[in-house]
Amino acid sequence: MIIRELCVENFTSIPKAIKKGVERIELCDNLAVGGTTPSYGVIQEAHHFLAQNNAKTTLAVMIRPRSGDFVYDPYELKIMETDILKAIEAGADALVFGCLTKTNEIDSEAMETLLIASQGLPVTFHMAFDEIPKAKQINAITQLATLGVEKILLHGDSLDHALNISAIKSLTRASRGKISLMIGGGVTKDNFEKLAKACDTTYVHGSKII
């Protein structure tokens, strides 16, 4: 079974998502800059709507304090910790975040801090993964799995290119038994099945997935 994660930036798309039976929702704000943390009110209303409609859809919430890179200072990490706690309070089922060093490697210390704040909720490491040098991505997969991250969302360069699909498939194989990879970037309702098969994964992500 392919698990579809619909990326939405406000509440208005959620009723349609439930009607279409989407398995996961990634709730964020400011999709134009890759997504930032949504408001408490939006998270809470999304949670209530899912509960009232007996939806089995997982509500994953983006934790990202700003656009730009994924290198966070102590003040930003504190903001992210607080946002995680409030997202959990508002009803999030899962969380989405990622932290890198200035050399675009996994910031283990920052990730550990945020994973502790996550209180055991499933965590997806988001598109920050694409910033990691390709030669270091397999090691990064092992590192994230060891930290306890459940999934990695990667966009790659473009899923329209056969070479990129081949590279993602190699990462999928390297991740087998450790952590799940979710593909995004050009994934739509018309091509998600073909791309999932090509990349050897059962998790797909996009704003046009339904």
N, C-alpha and C. Protein backbone atom coordinates (compact mmCIF):
# COMPACT_ATOMS: atom_id res chain seq x y z
N MET A 1 0.84 -1.21 0.00
CA MET A 1 0.00 0.00 0.00
C MET A 1 0.87 1.25 0.00
N ILE A 2 0.56 2.20 -0.87
CA ILE A 2 1.29 3.46 -0.91
C ILE A 2 0.65 4.45 0.06
N ILE A 3 1.48 5.05 0.92
CA ILE A 3 1.01 6.05 1.88
C ILE A 3 1.23 7.42 1.27
N ARG A 4 0.13 8.15 1.05
CA ARG A 4 0.21 9.49 0.46
C ARG A 4 0.22 10.55 1.56
N GLU A 5 1.19 11.44 1.51
CA GLU A 5 1.22 12.57 2.43
C GLU A 5 0.95 13.85 1.64
N LEU A 6 -0.18 14.48 1.95
CA LEU A 6 -0.54 15.72 1.29
C LEU A 6 0.01 16.90 2.07
N CYS A 7 0.76 17.75 1.40
CA CYS A 7 1.32 18.95 2.04
C CYS A 7 0.33 20.10 1.88
N VAL A 8 -0.12 20.67 3.00
CA VAL A 8 -1.08 21.78 2.95
C VAL A 8 -0.57 22.93 3.82
N GLU A 9 -0.92 24.15 3.43
CA GLU A 9 -0.44 25.30 4.19
C GLU A 9 -1.53 26.02 4.98
N ASN A 10 -2.73 25.46 5.00
CA ASN A 10 -3.78 26.04 5.84
C ASN A 10 -4.89 25.01 6.03
N PHE A 11 -5.89 25.36 6.79
CA PHE A 11 -6.96 24.42 7.10
C PHE A 11 -7.86 24.13 5.91
N THR A 12 -8.01 25.06 5.00
CA THR A 12 -9.04 24.95 3.96
C THR A 12 -8.91 23.71 3.08
N SER A 13 -7.70 23.17 2.97
CA SER A 13 -7.50 21.98 2.12
C SER A 13 -7.82 20.68 2.85
N ILE A 14 -7.99 20.73 4.16
CA ILE A 14 -8.12 19.51 4.93
C ILE A 14 -9.44 18.77 4.69
N PRO A 15 -10.59 19.44 4.63
CA PRO A 15 -11.83 18.70 4.34
C PRO A 15 -11.75 17.91 3.03
N LYS A 16 -11.19 18.51 1.99
CA LYS A 16 -11.04 17.81 0.72
C LYS A 16 -10.10 16.61 0.87
N ALA A 17 -9.02 16.80 1.64
CA ALA A 17 -8.06 15.72 1.85
C ALA A 17 -8.72 14.52 2.51
N ILE A 18 -9.56 14.80 3.51
CA ILE A 18 -10.25 13.71 4.21
C ILE A 18 -11.24 13.02 3.27
N LYS A 19 -11.94 13.82 2.48
CA LYS A 19 -12.90 13.26 1.52
C LYS A 19 -12.21 12.32 0.54
N LYS A 20 -10.97 12.66 0.17
CA LYS A 20 -10.21 11.86 -0.77
C LYS A 20 -9.50 10.68 -0.10
N GLY A 21 -9.58 10.63 1.23
CA GLY A 21 -9.01 9.50 1.96
C GLY A 21 -7.50 9.50 2.05
N VAL A 22 -6.89 10.68 2.04
CA VAL A 22 -5.43 10.74 2.11
C VAL A 22 -4.95 10.17 3.45
N GLU A 23 -3.83 9.47 3.42
CA GLU A 23 -3.35 8.77 4.61
C GLU A 23 -2.62 9.68 5.60
N ARG A 24 -1.93 10.69 5.09
CA ARG A 24 -1.17 11.60 5.96
C ARG A 24 -1.34 13.04 5.47
N ILE A 25 -1.28 13.97 6.40
CA ILE A 25 -1.25 15.39 6.07
C ILE A 25 -0.02 16.00 6.71
N GLU A 26 0.75 16.75 5.92
CA GLU A 26 1.81 17.57 6.50
C GLU A 26 1.28 19.00 6.54
N LEU A 27 1.06 19.50 7.73
CA LEU A 27 0.50 20.83 7.91
C LEU A 27 1.61 21.84 8.16
N CYS A 28 1.63 22.88 7.34
CA CYS A 28 2.66 23.92 7.50
C CYS A 28 2.08 25.27 7.09
N ASP A 29 2.92 26.26 7.09
CA ASP A 29 2.57 27.59 6.61
C ASP A 29 3.62 27.99 5.58
N ASN A 30 3.33 28.98 4.77
CA ASN A 30 4.34 29.56 3.86
C ASN A 30 5.00 28.54 2.94
N LEU A 31 4.20 27.84 2.17
CA LEU A 31 4.76 26.86 1.24
C LEU A 31 5.68 27.50 0.20
N ALA A 32 5.48 28.77 -0.07
CA ALA A 32 6.30 29.46 -1.06
C ALA A 32 7.78 29.46 -0.69
N VAL A 33 8.06 29.31 0.61
CA VAL A 33 9.46 29.27 1.05
C VAL A 33 9.83 27.89 1.59
N GLY A 34 9.03 26.89 1.22
CA GLY A 34 9.33 25.53 1.64
C GLY A 34 8.63 25.08 2.91
N GLY A 35 7.85 25.98 3.51
CA GLY A 35 7.08 25.62 4.70
C GLY A 35 7.70 26.11 5.99
N THR A 36 6.87 26.64 6.87
CA THR A 36 7.28 27.02 8.22
C THR A 36 6.20 26.52 9.19
N THR A 37 6.41 26.75 10.48
CA THR A 37 5.50 26.24 11.50
C THR A 37 4.13 26.90 11.39
N PRO A 38 3.06 26.11 11.34
CA PRO A 38 1.70 26.69 11.32
C PRO A 38 1.31 27.17 12.71
N SER A 39 0.24 27.93 12.79
CA SER A 39 -0.20 28.47 14.08
C SER A 39 -0.84 27.38 14.94
N TYR A 40 -0.86 27.65 16.23
CA TYR A 40 -1.50 26.75 17.19
C TYR A 40 -2.96 26.52 16.80
N GLY A 41 -3.65 27.60 16.44
CA GLY A 41 -5.06 27.50 16.11
C GLY A 41 -5.32 26.61 14.91
N VAL A 42 -4.49 26.72 13.90
CA VAL A 42 -4.66 25.89 12.70
C VAL A 42 -4.43 24.41 13.04
N ILE A 43 -3.39 24.13 13.81
CA ILE A 43 -3.11 22.74 14.20
C ILE A 43 -4.29 22.18 15.00
N GLN A 44 -4.76 22.95 15.97
CA GLN A 44 -5.85 22.49 16.83
C GLN A 44 -7.13 22.23 16.04
N GLU A 45 -7.47 23.14 15.12
CA GLU A 45 -8.69 22.97 14.33
C GLU A 45 -8.57 21.77 13.39
N ALA A 46 -7.39 21.58 12.84
CA ALA A 46 -7.16 20.42 11.97
C ALA A 46 -7.34 19.13 12.78
N HIS A 47 -6.77 19.10 13.96
CA HIS A 47 -6.91 17.94 14.84
C HIS A 47 -8.38 17.67 15.17
N HIS A 48 -9.11 18.71 15.53
CA HIS A 48 -10.53 18.55 15.88
C HIS A 48 -11.34 18.05 14.69
N PHE A 49 -11.05 18.59 13.51
CA PHE A 49 -11.79 18.18 12.32
C PHE A 49 -11.55 16.69 12.02
N LEU A 50 -10.30 16.26 12.13
CA LEU A 50 -10.00 14.86 11.88
C LEU A 50 -10.71 13.96 12.88
N ALA A 51 -10.71 14.37 14.13
CA ALA A 51 -11.36 13.57 15.17
C ALA A 51 -12.87 13.51 14.96
N GLN A 52 -13.47 14.66 14.64
CA GLN A 52 -14.92 14.73 14.47
C GLN A 52 -15.40 13.92 13.27
N ASN A 53 -14.51 13.75 12.29
CA ASN A 53 -14.88 13.00 11.09
C ASN A 53 -14.33 11.57 11.10
N ASN A 54 -13.87 11.15 12.27
CA ASN A 54 -13.35 9.79 12.43
C ASN A 54 -12.30 9.43 11.38
N ALA A 55 -11.54 10.43 10.99
CA ALA A 55 -10.51 10.20 9.97
C ALA A 55 -9.32 9.45 10.57
N LYS A 56 -8.76 8.54 9.78
CA LYS A 56 -7.57 7.81 10.21
C LYS A 56 -6.30 8.46 9.68
N THR A 57 -6.45 9.69 9.22
CA THR A 57 -5.33 10.41 8.64
C THR A 57 -4.37 10.89 9.73
N THR A 58 -3.08 10.66 9.52
CA THR A 58 -2.06 11.14 10.45
C THR A 58 -1.81 12.63 10.21
N LEU A 59 -1.78 13.41 11.28
CA LEU A 59 -1.52 14.85 11.19
C LEU A 59 -0.08 15.13 11.59
N ALA A 60 0.76 15.39 10.60
CA ALA A 60 2.16 15.72 10.84
C ALA A 60 2.33 17.23 10.74
N VAL A 61 3.04 17.82 11.68
CA VAL A 61 3.18 19.28 11.75
C VAL A 61 4.63 19.69 11.51
N MET A 62 4.82 20.63 10.60
CA MET A 62 6.14 21.18 10.31
C MET A 62 6.62 22.06 11.46
N ILE A 63 7.86 21.87 11.87
CA ILE A 63 8.50 22.73 12.87
C ILE A 63 9.70 23.39 12.20
N ARG A 64 9.53 24.62 11.78
CA ARG A 64 10.59 25.37 11.10
C ARG A 64 10.33 26.84 11.37
N PRO A 65 11.21 27.52 12.09
CA PRO A 65 10.92 28.88 12.55
C PRO A 65 11.04 29.97 11.50
N ARG A 66 11.66 29.65 10.36
CA ARG A 66 11.88 30.66 9.33
C ARG A 66 12.25 29.97 8.02
N SER A 67 12.27 30.78 6.95
CA SER A 67 12.75 30.26 5.67
C SER A 67 14.28 30.29 5.67
N GLY A 68 14.87 29.86 4.58
CA GLY A 68 16.32 29.90 4.48
C GLY A 68 16.96 28.58 4.82
N ASP A 69 18.17 28.64 5.37
CA ASP A 69 18.90 27.41 5.65
C ASP A 69 18.37 26.69 6.88
N PHE A 70 19.03 25.60 7.22
CA PHE A 70 18.57 24.75 8.33
C PHE A 70 19.59 24.71 9.46
N VAL A 71 20.38 25.78 9.53
CA VAL A 71 21.37 25.94 10.60
C VAL A 71 20.75 26.88 11.64
N TYR A 72 20.50 26.36 12.83
CA TYR A 72 19.75 27.12 13.83
C TYR A 72 20.62 27.48 15.03
N ASP A 73 20.47 28.73 15.49
CA ASP A 73 21.20 29.16 16.68
C ASP A 73 20.41 28.76 17.93
N PRO A 74 20.98 28.95 19.12
CA PRO A 74 20.29 28.52 20.35
C PRO A 74 18.91 29.16 20.55
N TYR A 75 18.75 30.40 20.11
CA TYR A 75 17.45 31.06 20.25
C TYR A 75 16.40 30.39 19.36
N GLU A 76 16.80 30.07 18.13
CA GLU A 76 15.87 29.41 17.20
C GLU A 76 15.52 28.00 17.67
N LEU A 77 16.51 27.31 18.24
CA LEU A 77 16.23 25.97 18.75
C LEU A 77 15.25 26.03 19.92
N LYS A 78 15.36 27.06 20.74
CA LYS A 78 14.41 27.21 21.84
C LYS A 78 13.01 27.47 21.29
N ILE A 79 12.92 28.28 20.26
CA ILE A 79 11.62 28.52 19.60
C ILE A 79 11.06 27.20 19.08
N MET A 80 11.90 26.41 18.47
CA MET A 80 11.45 25.13 17.90
C MET A 80 10.99 24.16 19.00
N GLU A 81 11.72 24.14 20.11
CA GLU A 81 11.29 23.32 21.25
C GLU A 81 9.90 23.72 21.71
N THR A 82 9.70 25.03 21.87
CA THR A 82 8.39 25.52 22.32
C THR A 82 7.30 25.18 21.31
N ASP A 83 7.61 25.37 20.02
CA ASP A 83 6.64 25.05 18.97
C ASP A 83 6.29 23.56 18.97
N ILE A 84 7.26 22.71 19.23
CA ILE A 84 7.00 21.27 19.32
C ILE A 84 6.03 20.98 20.46
N LEU A 85 6.28 21.55 21.62
CA LEU A 85 5.41 21.33 22.76
C LEU A 85 3.99 21.82 22.50
N LYS A 86 3.88 22.97 21.85
CA LYS A 86 2.54 23.51 21.54
C LYS A 86 1.85 22.69 20.45
N ALA A 87 2.62 22.20 19.48
CA ALA A 87 2.03 21.36 18.43
C ALA A 87 1.48 20.07 19.03
N ILE A 88 2.21 19.48 19.96
CA ILE A 88 1.74 18.27 20.63
C ILE A 88 0.47 18.58 21.42
N GLU A 89 0.50 19.70 22.13
CA GLU A 89 -0.67 20.12 22.91
C GLU A 89 -1.89 20.33 22.01
N ALA A 90 -1.66 20.84 20.81
CA ALA A 90 -2.77 21.13 19.88
C ALA A 90 -3.29 19.88 19.16
N GLY A 91 -2.56 18.77 19.26
CA GLY A 91 -3.07 17.53 18.68
C GLY A 91 -2.26 16.91 17.56
N ALA A 92 -1.02 17.35 17.36
CA ALA A 92 -0.20 16.75 16.31
C ALA A 92 0.04 15.27 16.58
N ASP A 93 0.01 14.46 15.52
CA ASP A 93 0.31 13.03 15.62
C ASP A 93 1.78 12.74 15.32
N ALA A 94 2.40 13.63 14.56
CA ALA A 94 3.79 13.45 14.15
C ALA A 94 4.39 14.83 13.90
N LEU A 95 5.72 14.88 13.82
CA LEU A 95 6.42 16.16 13.66
C LEU A 95 7.41 16.07 12.50
N VAL A 96 7.68 17.22 11.91
CA VAL A 96 8.57 17.29 10.75
C VAL A 96 9.58 18.41 10.98
N PHE A 97 10.87 18.05 11.07
CA PHE A 97 11.90 19.08 11.22
C PHE A 97 13.26 18.52 10.82
N GLY A 98 14.23 19.40 10.70
CA GLY A 98 15.58 18.98 10.34
C GLY A 98 16.59 20.06 10.67
N CYS A 99 17.74 19.65 11.19
CA CYS A 99 18.79 20.59 11.58
C CYS A 99 20.13 20.17 10.98
N LEU A 100 20.83 21.13 10.41
CA LEU A 100 22.12 20.87 9.80
C LEU A 100 23.21 21.75 10.42
N THR A 101 24.45 21.33 10.25
CA THR A 101 25.59 22.15 10.64
C THR A 101 25.91 23.12 9.50
N LYS A 102 26.88 23.97 9.72
CA LYS A 102 27.26 24.94 8.68
C LYS A 102 27.89 24.25 7.47
N THR A 103 28.33 23.01 7.64
CA THR A 103 28.90 22.26 6.52
C THR A 103 27.87 21.30 5.91
N ASN A 104 26.60 21.54 6.25
CA ASN A 104 25.48 20.75 5.70
C ASN A 104 25.59 19.26 6.03
N GLU A 105 25.89 18.98 7.30
CA GLU A 105 25.81 17.63 7.82
C GLU A 105 24.78 17.63 8.94
N ILE A 106 24.36 16.44 9.39
CA ILE A 106 23.36 16.36 10.45
C ILE A 106 23.89 17.02 11.72
N ASP A 107 23.10 17.93 12.29
CA ASP A 107 23.44 18.53 13.58
C ASP A 107 22.85 17.62 14.66
N SER A 108 23.65 16.66 15.09
CA SER A 108 23.16 15.64 16.03
C SER A 108 22.71 16.25 17.35
N GLU A 109 23.45 17.21 17.83
CA GLU A 109 23.12 17.82 19.12
C GLU A 109 21.76 18.52 19.06
N ALA A 110 21.54 19.29 18.00
CA ALA A 110 20.26 19.99 17.84
C ALA A 110 19.12 18.99 17.66
N MET A 111 19.36 17.95 16.85
CA MET A 111 18.34 16.94 16.62
C MET A 111 17.97 16.21 17.92
N GLU A 112 18.97 15.88 18.72
CA GLU A 112 18.70 15.21 19.99
C GLU A 112 17.83 16.08 20.90
N THR A 113 18.14 17.36 20.94
CA THR A 113 17.36 18.29 21.76
C THR A 113 15.90 18.30 21.32
N LEU A 114 15.67 18.39 20.02
CA LEU A 114 14.30 18.45 19.51
C LEU A 114 13.58 17.11 19.61
N LEU A 115 14.31 16.03 19.47
CA LEU A 115 13.70 14.70 19.61
C LEU A 115 13.25 14.45 21.06
N ILE A 116 14.01 14.95 22.01
CA ILE A 116 13.59 14.84 23.41
C ILE A 116 12.30 15.62 23.63
N ALA A 117 12.24 16.82 23.06
CA ALA A 117 11.03 17.65 23.19
C ALA A 117 9.83 16.99 22.52
N SER A 118 10.09 16.12 21.53
CA SER A 118 9.01 15.49 20.75
C SER A 118 8.26 14.41 21.52
N GLN A 119 8.78 14.00 22.66
CA GLN A 119 8.08 13.09 23.57
C GLN A 119 7.67 11.77 22.91
N GLY A 120 8.49 11.30 22.01
CA GLY A 120 8.22 10.00 21.40
C GLY A 120 7.34 10.02 20.16
N LEU A 121 6.83 11.20 19.77
CA LEU A 121 6.05 11.26 18.53
C LEU A 121 6.95 10.93 17.34
N PRO A 122 6.40 10.29 16.31
CA PRO A 122 7.18 10.00 15.11
C PRO A 122 7.69 11.30 14.48
N VAL A 123 8.94 11.26 14.03
CA VAL A 123 9.56 12.45 13.44
C VAL A 123 10.05 12.15 12.03
N THR A 124 9.74 13.06 11.12
CA THR A 124 10.28 13.02 9.76
C THR A 124 11.34 14.11 9.62
N PHE A 125 12.51 13.74 9.12
CA PHE A 125 13.55 14.71 8.79
C PHE A 125 13.23 15.23 7.40
N HIS A 126 12.99 16.54 7.27
CA HIS A 126 12.43 17.07 6.02
C HIS A 126 13.47 17.39 4.95
N MET A 127 13.10 18.29 4.04
CA MET A 127 13.89 18.55 2.84
C MET A 127 15.31 19.05 3.10
N ALA A 128 15.64 19.32 4.36
CA ALA A 128 17.03 19.66 4.68
C ALA A 128 17.97 18.55 4.23
N PHE A 129 17.44 17.33 4.13
CA PHE A 129 18.28 16.21 3.71
C PHE A 129 18.90 16.44 2.34
N ASP A 130 18.19 17.14 1.48
CA ASP A 130 18.69 17.38 0.12
C ASP A 130 19.91 18.29 0.10
N GLU A 131 20.14 19.02 1.20
CA GLU A 131 21.30 19.91 1.28
C GLU A 131 22.57 19.16 1.66
N ILE A 132 22.43 17.95 2.16
CA ILE A 132 23.59 17.15 2.56
C ILE A 132 24.34 16.70 1.30
N PRO A 133 25.66 16.84 1.25
CA PRO A 133 26.41 16.38 0.08
C PRO A 133 26.08 14.93 -0.24
N LYS A 134 25.91 14.64 -1.52
CA LYS A 134 25.46 13.30 -1.93
C LYS A 134 26.37 12.19 -1.41
N ALA A 135 27.66 12.46 -1.34
CA ALA A 135 28.60 11.44 -0.88
C ALA A 135 28.42 11.10 0.59
N LYS A 136 27.72 11.96 1.31
CA LYS A 136 27.53 11.75 2.75
C LYS A 136 26.10 11.36 3.11
N GLN A 137 25.24 11.19 2.12
CA GLN A 137 23.83 10.95 2.41
C GLN A 137 23.56 9.56 3.00
N ILE A 138 24.29 8.55 2.56
CA ILE A 138 24.07 7.21 3.13
C ILE A 138 24.47 7.19 4.61
N ASN A 139 25.59 7.83 4.94
CA ASN A 139 25.98 7.93 6.35
C ASN A 139 24.95 8.72 7.14
N ALA A 140 24.37 9.75 6.52
CA ALA A 140 23.36 10.57 7.19
C ALA A 140 22.12 9.74 7.50
N ILE A 141 21.76 8.83 6.59
CA ILE A 141 20.61 7.95 6.82
C ILE A 141 20.84 7.11 8.08
N THR A 142 22.02 6.52 8.19
CA THR A 142 22.34 5.71 9.37
C THR A 142 22.31 6.56 10.63
N GLN A 143 22.84 7.77 10.54
CA GLN A 143 22.89 8.68 11.68
C GLN A 143 21.49 9.03 12.17
N LEU A 144 20.60 9.34 11.23
CA LEU A 144 19.23 9.71 11.59
C LEU A 144 18.47 8.52 12.17
N ALA A 145 18.70 7.35 11.61
CA ALA A 145 18.06 6.14 12.14
C ALA A 145 18.51 5.89 13.58
N THR A 146 19.80 6.07 13.83
CA THR A 146 20.34 5.87 15.18
C THR A 146 19.75 6.87 16.17
N LEU A 147 19.50 8.08 15.71
CA LEU A 147 18.91 9.11 16.56
C LEU A 147 17.45 8.80 16.91
N GLY A 148 16.81 7.99 16.08
CA GLY A 148 15.41 7.64 16.33
C GLY A 148 14.42 8.32 15.41
N VAL A 149 14.91 8.93 14.33
CA VAL A 149 14.02 9.53 13.34
C VAL A 149 13.32 8.41 12.57
N GLU A 150 12.03 8.60 12.30
CA GLU A 150 11.24 7.54 11.65
C GLU A 150 11.31 7.59 10.13
N LYS A 151 11.28 8.80 9.55
CA LYS A 151 11.24 8.95 8.10
C LYS A 151 12.16 10.08 7.65
N ILE A 152 12.55 10.01 6.40
CA ILE A 152 13.27 11.10 5.74
C ILE A 152 12.49 11.49 4.50
N LEU A 153 12.18 12.78 4.38
CA LEU A 153 11.57 13.31 3.16
C LEU A 153 12.67 13.88 2.29
N LEU A 154 12.78 13.37 1.08
CA LEU A 154 13.79 13.93 0.18
C LEU A 154 13.17 14.26 -1.17
N HIS A 155 13.59 15.39 -1.68
CA HIS A 155 13.10 15.85 -2.97
C HIS A 155 14.08 15.51 -4.08
N GLY A 156 15.36 15.39 -3.74
CA GLY A 156 16.36 15.19 -4.78
C GLY A 156 16.41 16.42 -5.67
N ASP A 157 16.94 16.27 -6.85
CA ASP A 157 17.01 17.39 -7.79
C ASP A 157 15.68 17.56 -8.53
N SER A 158 15.18 16.47 -9.05
CA SER A 158 13.89 16.46 -9.73
C SER A 158 13.54 15.02 -10.03
N LEU A 159 12.34 14.61 -9.65
CA LEU A 159 11.94 13.24 -9.91
C LEU A 159 11.61 13.01 -11.39
N ASP A 160 11.74 14.06 -12.19
CA ASP A 160 11.51 13.90 -13.62
C ASP A 160 12.75 13.32 -14.32
N HIS A 161 13.87 13.30 -13.61
CA HIS A 161 15.11 12.86 -14.22
C HIS A 161 15.44 11.43 -13.81
N ALA A 162 15.68 10.58 -14.77
CA ALA A 162 15.95 9.17 -14.50
C ALA A 162 17.16 8.98 -13.61
N LEU A 163 18.19 9.80 -13.79
CA LEU A 163 19.40 9.67 -12.98
C LEU A 163 19.10 9.94 -11.51
N ASN A 164 18.23 10.90 -11.25
CA ASN A 164 17.89 11.21 -9.87
C ASN A 164 17.07 10.08 -9.25
N ILE A 165 16.17 9.51 -10.01
CA ILE A 165 15.39 8.37 -9.52
C ILE A 165 16.33 7.22 -9.16
N SER A 166 17.34 6.99 -9.97
CA SER A 166 18.31 5.93 -9.70
C SER A 166 19.05 6.20 -8.40
N ALA A 167 19.42 7.47 -8.18
CA ALA A 167 20.14 7.84 -6.95
C ALA A 167 19.25 7.64 -5.73
N ILE A 168 17.98 8.03 -5.84
CA ILE A 168 17.05 7.86 -4.72
C ILE A 168 16.83 6.38 -4.43
N LYS A 169 16.75 5.59 -5.47
CA LYS A 169 16.55 4.15 -5.28
C LYS A 169 17.73 3.55 -4.51
N SER A 170 18.94 4.04 -4.77
CA SER A 170 20.12 3.57 -4.03
C SER A 170 20.01 3.92 -2.56
N LEU A 171 19.51 5.12 -2.28
CA LEU A 171 19.32 5.54 -0.89
C LEU A 171 18.23 4.71 -0.22
N THR A 172 17.17 4.42 -0.95
CA THR A 172 16.08 3.60 -0.41
C THR A 172 16.60 2.23 0.00
N ARG A 173 17.43 1.66 -0.85
CA ARG A 173 17.99 0.34 -0.54
C ARG A 173 18.90 0.42 0.68
N ALA A 174 19.67 1.50 0.79
CA ALA A 174 20.57 1.66 1.93
C ALA A 174 19.80 1.87 3.23
N SER A 175 18.58 2.40 3.11
CA SER A 175 17.78 2.70 4.30
C SER A 175 16.95 1.51 4.78
N ARG A 176 16.85 0.47 3.96
CA ARG A 176 15.97 -0.66 4.24
C ARG A 176 16.27 -1.26 5.62
N GLY A 177 15.24 -1.39 6.44
CA GLY A 177 15.39 -1.95 7.77
C GLY A 177 15.87 -0.96 8.80
N LYS A 178 16.19 0.27 8.38
CA LYS A 178 16.68 1.28 9.31
C LYS A 178 15.68 2.42 9.49
N ILE A 179 15.21 2.93 8.36
CA ILE A 179 14.39 4.14 8.36
C ILE A 179 13.64 4.19 7.02
N SER A 180 12.49 4.84 6.98
CA SER A 180 11.70 4.93 5.75
C SER A 180 12.01 6.21 4.99
N LEU A 181 12.06 6.11 3.67
CA LEU A 181 12.26 7.29 2.83
C LEU A 181 10.94 7.66 2.15
N MET A 182 10.64 8.95 2.15
CA MET A 182 9.45 9.48 1.51
C MET A 182 9.89 10.40 0.38
N ILE A 183 9.35 10.18 -0.81
CA ILE A 183 9.78 10.98 -1.95
C ILE A 183 8.82 12.14 -2.20
N GLY A 184 9.40 13.29 -2.56
CA GLY A 184 8.63 14.46 -2.92
C GLY A 184 9.31 15.18 -4.07
N GLY A 185 8.74 16.28 -4.50
CA GLY A 185 9.35 17.04 -5.58
C GLY A 185 8.84 16.55 -6.93
N GLY A 186 7.73 17.08 -7.39
CA GLY A 186 7.17 16.66 -8.67
C GLY A 186 6.24 15.47 -8.58
N VAL A 187 5.90 15.05 -7.35
CA VAL A 187 5.00 13.91 -7.17
C VAL A 187 3.55 14.42 -7.20
N THR A 188 2.72 13.82 -8.02
CA THR A 188 1.33 14.24 -8.17
C THR A 188 0.40 13.02 -8.13
N LYS A 189 -0.90 13.30 -8.17
CA LYS A 189 -1.89 12.22 -8.17
C LYS A 189 -1.77 11.35 -9.43
N ASP A 190 -1.19 11.92 -10.47
CA ASP A 190 -1.08 11.19 -11.73
C ASP A 190 0.16 10.31 -11.83
N ASN A 191 1.20 10.62 -11.04
CA ASN A 191 2.45 9.87 -11.21
C ASN A 191 2.97 9.20 -9.94
N PHE A 192 2.26 9.36 -8.80
CA PHE A 192 2.83 8.88 -7.54
C PHE A 192 3.05 7.36 -7.53
N GLU A 193 2.16 6.62 -8.16
CA GLU A 193 2.33 5.16 -8.17
C GLU A 193 3.57 4.76 -8.97
N LYS A 194 3.73 5.39 -10.11
CA LYS A 194 4.88 5.08 -10.96
C LYS A 194 6.19 5.46 -10.28
N LEU A 195 6.21 6.64 -9.64
CA LEU A 195 7.43 7.10 -8.98
C LEU A 195 7.74 6.28 -7.73
N ALA A 196 6.72 5.90 -6.98
CA ALA A 196 6.94 5.07 -5.79
C ALA A 196 7.60 3.75 -6.19
N LYS A 197 7.09 3.17 -7.27
CA LYS A 197 7.66 1.90 -7.74
C LYS A 197 9.09 2.10 -8.23
N ALA A 198 9.32 3.19 -8.98
CA ALA A 198 10.65 3.45 -9.54
C ALA A 198 11.68 3.70 -8.45
N CYS A 199 11.25 4.37 -7.37
CA CYS A 199 12.16 4.71 -6.28
C CYS A 199 12.16 3.66 -5.17
N ASP A 200 11.35 2.63 -5.33
CA ASP A 200 11.29 1.52 -4.38
C ASP A 200 10.91 1.98 -2.97
N THR A 201 9.83 2.77 -2.89
CA THR A 201 9.33 3.22 -1.60
C THR A 201 7.80 3.17 -1.59
N THR A 202 7.23 3.17 -0.40
CA THR A 202 5.77 3.18 -0.28
C THR A 202 5.26 4.51 0.27
N TYR A 203 6.15 5.49 0.43
CA TYR A 203 5.76 6.80 0.97
C TYR A 203 5.98 7.88 -0.07
N VAL A 204 4.92 8.65 -0.35
CA VAL A 204 5.02 9.74 -1.32
C VAL A 204 4.47 11.02 -0.71
N HIS A 205 4.96 12.15 -1.18
CA HIS A 205 4.63 13.45 -0.58
C HIS A 205 4.46 14.50 -1.66
N GLY A 206 3.49 15.38 -1.50
CA GLY A 206 3.33 16.49 -2.43
C GLY A 206 2.09 17.31 -2.14
N SER A 207 2.04 18.49 -2.71
CA SER A 207 0.87 19.37 -2.54
C SER A 207 -0.21 19.05 -3.57
N LYS A 208 0.11 18.19 -4.56
CA LYS A 208 -0.84 17.81 -5.60
C LYS A 208 -1.02 16.29 -5.64
N ILE A 209 -0.93 15.67 -4.49
CA ILE A 209 -0.96 14.22 -4.39
C ILE A 209 -2.37 13.66 -4.52
N ILE A 210 -3.39 14.53 -4.37
CA ILE A 210 -4.79 14.10 -4.56
C ILE A 210 -5.44 15.01 -5.58
